[in-house]
Amino acid sequence: MAVDTQLLPEDIVTATLNRVGKDVRLVDDQRLAKIFDDASKDPEGAFREFRIYPRYEFSRLLSETLQVLDLAGSIRRENAAQRYFGPSEHTLGEYGKSKYDQLEAPDKAAVDRVATQIKQVFASSNEPR
C-alpha cells in the first residue's frame, strides 16, 4: 500500500538548494521570490504554495521557510542582515539528497527547473561577498 506523505515547504526548498549547489551565492530578495512564484503557477506542482503577494512581491511562505532552515542549520547566512545565504553542508550532503530523492518525478523536474533558474539568476549576479 502506497503511503501518501505530504511534502513540507522545508523539504521542497531543501531539495532545491541541494540541486543549486554550493557555488552560487543566493540573495533573499524579490528575484528569488519571483522564481518560486513562477514555479507556483503549476496547480499540481510541489511549488504551488509559494505564491507571492502581488502588491509587495513577497512570499511569506518562502520567507518563513528560509527562517526555519536557518534555525535548523540547513542554510548559512553570511551577514547580520541575513540577506545573503547559501545551503549548508547538511543541505548539500545526504540529507538534502534524501529530500530530493523522496520527490515524485514531476516534482523532481520542477525542483531541477527552479534550481537551474536560481543558478542562472544568482550566478550572473556580481554582488560582492
C-alpha atoms as a PDB file:
ATOM      1  CA  MET A   1       0.000   0.000   0.000  1.00  0.00           C
ATOM      2  CA  ALA A   2       1.368   3.393  -1.010  1.00  0.00           C
ATOM      3  CA  VAL A   3       1.797   5.913   1.739  1.00  0.00           C
ATOM      4  CA  ASP A   4       0.793   9.446   0.844  1.00  0.00           C
ATOM      5  CA  THR A   5       3.253  11.740   2.562  1.00  0.00           C
ATOM      6  CA  GLN A   6       2.776  15.477   2.489  1.00  0.00           C
ATOM      7  CA  LEU A   7       5.789  17.416   1.412  1.00  0.00           C
ATOM      8  CA  LEU A   8       6.641  20.264   3.723  1.00  0.00           C
ATOM      9  CA  PRO A   9       7.824  23.594   2.298  1.00  0.00           C
ATOM     10  CA  GLU A  10      11.161  22.931   4.010  1.00  0.00           C
ATOM     11  CA  ASP A  11      11.515  19.681   2.047  1.00  0.00           C
ATOM     12  CA  ILE A  12      10.930  21.444  -1.274  1.00  0.00           C
ATOM     13  CA  VAL A  13      13.365  24.276  -0.555  1.00  0.00           C
ATOM     14  CA  THR A  14      15.981  21.869   0.842  1.00  0.00           C
ATOM     15  CA  ALA A  15      15.744  19.678  -2.258  1.00  0.00           C
ATOM     16  CA  THR A  16      16.020  22.775  -4.458  1.00  0.00           C
ATOM     17  CA  LEU A  17      19.051  24.133  -2.605  1.00  0.00           C
ATOM     18  CA  ASN A  18      20.681  20.712  -2.821  1.00  0.00           C
ATOM     19  CA  ARG A  19      20.340  20.945  -6.605  1.00  0.00           C
ATOM     20  CA  VAL A  20      21.581  24.554  -6.706  1.00  0.00           C
ATOM     21  CA  GLY A  21      24.831  23.527  -5.053  1.00  0.00           C
ATOM     22  CA  LYS A  22      27.457  25.453  -3.150  1.00  0.00           C
ATOM     23  CA  ASP A  23      28.936  27.690  -5.839  1.00  0.00           C
ATOM     24  CA  VAL A  24      26.019  30.106  -6.070  1.00  0.00           C
ATOM     25  CA  ARG A  25      25.583  32.982  -3.646  1.00  0.00           C
ATOM     26  CA  LEU A  26      21.875  33.441  -3.058  1.00  0.00           C
ATOM     27  CA  VAL A  27      20.071  36.604  -2.052  1.00  0.00           C
ATOM     28  CA  ASP A  28      16.770  36.554  -0.200  1.00  0.00           C
ATOM     29  CA  ASP A  29      15.117  39.160  -2.403  1.00  0.00           C
ATOM     30  CA  GLN A  30      12.369  39.676  -4.967  1.00  0.00           C
ATOM     31  CA  ARG A  31      14.290  37.788  -7.661  1.00  0.00           C
ATOM     32  CA  LEU A  32      14.247  34.632  -5.558  1.00  0.00           C
ATOM     33  CA  ALA A  33      10.587  35.124  -4.655  1.00  0.00           C
ATOM     34  CA  LYS A  34       9.762  35.569  -8.349  1.00  0.00           C
ATOM     35  CA  ILE A  35      11.454  32.298  -9.304  1.00  0.00           C
ATOM     36  CA  PHE A  36       9.411  30.448  -6.692  1.00  0.00           C
ATOM     37  CA  ASP A  37       6.270  32.320  -7.736  1.00  0.00           C
ATOM     38  CA  ASP A  38       6.769  31.348 -11.376  1.00  0.00           C
ATOM     39  CA  ALA A  39       7.089  27.719 -10.300  1.00  0.00           C
ATOM     40  CA  SER A  40       3.912  28.049  -8.212  1.00  0.00           C
ATOM     41  CA  LYS A  41       1.808  28.570 -11.326  1.00  0.00           C
ATOM     42  CA  ASP A  42       1.528  24.774 -11.776  1.00  0.00           C
ATOM     43  CA  PRO A  43      -1.544  23.979  -9.613  1.00  0.00           C
ATOM     44  CA  GLU A  44      -0.428  20.377  -9.085  1.00  0.00           C
ATOM     45  CA  GLY A  45       3.256  21.084  -8.583  1.00  0.00           C
ATOM     46  CA  ALA A  46       5.374  20.991  -5.466  1.00  0.00           C
ATOM     47  CA  PHE A  47       5.814  24.785  -5.521  1.00  0.00           C
ATOM     48  CA  ARG A  48       2.110  25.709  -5.699  1.00  0.00           C
ATOM     49  CA  GLU A  49       2.057  27.245  -2.198  1.00  0.00           C
ATOM     50  CA  PHE A  50       4.972  29.622  -2.852  1.00  0.00           C
ATOM     51  CA  ARG A  51       2.867  32.378  -4.439  1.00  0.00           C
ATOM     52  CA  ILE A  52       3.948  35.949  -3.881  1.00  0.00           C
ATOM     53  CA  TYR A  53       1.739  38.696  -2.564  1.00  0.00           C
ATOM     54  CA  PRO A  54       1.452  40.738  -5.765  1.00  0.00           C
ATOM     55  CA  ARG A  55       1.492  44.186  -4.229  1.00  0.00           C
ATOM     56  CA  TYR A  56       4.777  43.630  -2.399  1.00  0.00           C
ATOM     57  CA  GLU A  57       6.344  40.843  -4.488  1.00  0.00           C
ATOM     58  CA  PHE A  58       6.926  38.958  -1.254  1.00  0.00           C
ATOM     59  CA  SER A  59       6.320  35.299  -0.473  1.00  0.00           C
ATOM     60  CA  ARG A  60       5.508  34.840   3.187  1.00  0.00           C
ATOM     61  CA  LEU A  61       5.905  31.065   2.868  1.00  0.00           C
ATOM     62  CA  LEU A  62       9.341  31.344   1.249  1.00  0.00           C
ATOM     63  CA  SER A  63      10.484  33.839   3.877  1.00  0.00           C
ATOM     64  CA  GLU A  64       9.218  31.694   6.760  1.00  0.00           C
ATOM     65  CA  THR A  65      10.713  28.563   5.221  1.00  0.00           C
ATOM     66  CA  LEU A  66      14.127  30.202   4.913  1.00  0.00           C
ATOM     67  CA  GLN A  67      13.890  31.262   8.566  1.00  0.00           C
ATOM     68  CA  VAL A  68      13.121  27.682   9.605  1.00  0.00           C
ATOM     69  CA  LEU A  69      16.001  26.338   7.506  1.00  0.00           C
ATOM     70  CA  ASP A  70      18.317  28.950   9.025  1.00  0.00           C
ATOM     71  CA  LEU A  71      17.342  27.894  12.543  1.00  0.00           C
ATOM     72  CA  ALA A  72      17.731  24.225  11.603  1.00  0.00           C
ATOM     73  CA  GLY A  73      21.211  24.792  10.198  1.00  0.00           C
ATOM     74  CA  SER A  74      20.173  23.883   6.659  1.00  0.00           C
ATOM     75  CA  ILE A  75      21.281  27.224   5.248  1.00  0.00           C
ATOM     76  CA  ARG A  76      24.088  29.501   6.325  1.00  0.00           C
ATOM     77  CA  ARG A  77      23.540  33.236   6.481  1.00  0.00           C
ATOM     78  CA  GLU A  78      26.515  35.455   5.641  1.00  0.00           C
ATOM     79  CA  ASN A  79      25.731  38.668   7.439  1.00  0.00           C
ATOM     80  CA  ALA A  80      23.767  40.181  10.254  1.00  0.00           C
ATOM     81  CA  ALA A  81      21.016  41.387   7.943  1.00  0.00           C
ATOM     82  CA  GLN A  82      20.643  37.770   6.828  1.00  0.00           C
ATOM     83  CA  ARG A  83      20.124  38.777   3.237  1.00  0.00           C
ATOM     84  CA  TYR A  84      22.879  36.666   1.674  1.00  0.00           C
ATOM     85  CA  PHE A  85      22.825  32.936   2.187  1.00  0.00           C
ATOM     86  CA  GLY A  86      23.687  29.553   0.776  1.00  0.00           C
ATOM     87  CA  PRO A  87      22.969  25.921   1.552  1.00  0.00           C
ATOM     88  CA  SER A  88      24.849  24.387   4.451  1.00  0.00           C
ATOM     89  CA  GLU A  89      26.908  21.220   4.157  1.00  0.00           C
ATOM     90  CA  HIS A  90      23.935  19.442   5.730  1.00  0.00           C
ATOM     91  CA  THR A  91      21.705  20.506   2.825  1.00  0.00           C
ATOM     92  CA  LEU A  92      24.378  19.844   0.195  1.00  0.00           C
ATOM     93  CA  GLY A  93      25.025  16.363   1.567  1.00  0.00           C
ATOM     94  CA  GLU A  94      22.993  13.229   2.123  1.00  0.00           C
ATOM     95  CA  TYR A  95      20.155  14.991   3.942  1.00  0.00           C
ATOM     96  CA  GLY A  96      19.416  17.320   1.039  1.00  0.00           C
ATOM     97  CA  LYS A  97      19.854  14.492  -1.456  1.00  0.00           C
ATOM     98  CA  SER A  98      17.381  12.348   0.502  1.00  0.00           C
ATOM     99  CA  LYS A  99      14.825  15.164   0.335  1.00  0.00           C
ATOM    100  CA  TYR A 100      15.293  15.350  -3.425  1.00  0.00           C
ATOM    101  CA  ASP A 101      15.151  11.564  -3.807  1.00  0.00           C
ATOM    102  CA  GLN A 102      11.801  11.341  -1.969  1.00  0.00           C
ATOM    103  CA  LEU A 103      10.113  13.542  -4.587  1.00  0.00           C
ATOM    104  CA  GLU A 104       7.924  12.162  -7.351  1.00  0.00           C
ATOM    105  CA  ALA A 105       9.297  12.523 -10.900  1.00  0.00           C
ATOM    106  CA  PRO A 106       7.219  15.638 -11.797  1.00  0.00           C
ATOM    107  CA  ASP A 107       8.299  17.341  -8.580  1.00  0.00           C
ATOM    108  CA  LYS A 108      11.949  16.441  -9.250  1.00  0.00           C
ATOM    109  CA  ALA A 109      11.618  18.027 -12.683  1.00  0.00           C
ATOM    110  CA  ALA A 110      10.116  21.185 -11.110  1.00  0.00           C
ATOM    111  CA  VAL A 111      12.892  21.340  -8.495  1.00  0.00           C
ATOM    112  CA  ASP A 112      15.520  20.954 -11.225  1.00  0.00           C
ATOM    113  CA  ARG A 113      13.918  23.777 -13.263  1.00  0.00           C
ATOM    114  CA  VAL A 114      13.807  26.097 -10.242  1.00  0.00           C
ATOM    115  CA  ALA A 115      17.397  25.228  -9.267  1.00  0.00           C
ATOM    116  CA  THR A 116      18.556  25.984 -12.821  1.00  0.00           C
ATOM    117  CA  GLN A 117      16.755  29.351 -12.777  1.00  0.00           C
ATOM    118  CA  ILE A 118      18.276  30.207  -9.404  1.00  0.00           C
ATOM    119  CA  LYS A 119      21.755  29.376 -10.686  1.00  0.00           C
ATOM    120  CA  GLN A 120      21.246  31.478 -13.812  1.00  0.00           C
ATOM    121  CA  VAL A 121      19.945  34.500 -11.906  1.00  0.00           C
ATOM    122  CA  PHE A 122      22.335  34.439  -8.984  1.00  0.00           C
ATOM    123  CA  ALA A 123      25.477  33.113 -10.659  1.00  0.00           C
ATOM    124  CA  SER A 124      25.382  36.072 -13.036  1.00  0.00           C
ATOM    125  CA  SER A 125      24.974  38.473 -10.127  1.00  0.00           C
ATOM    126  CA  ASN A 126      28.095  40.488  -9.489  1.00  0.00           C
ATOM    127  CA  GLU A 127      27.314  41.167  -5.856  1.00  0.00           C
ATOM    128  CA  PRO A 128      30.458  41.257  -3.700  1.00  0.00           C
ATOM    129  CA  ARG A 129      30.950  38.681  -0.987  1.00  0.00           C
END
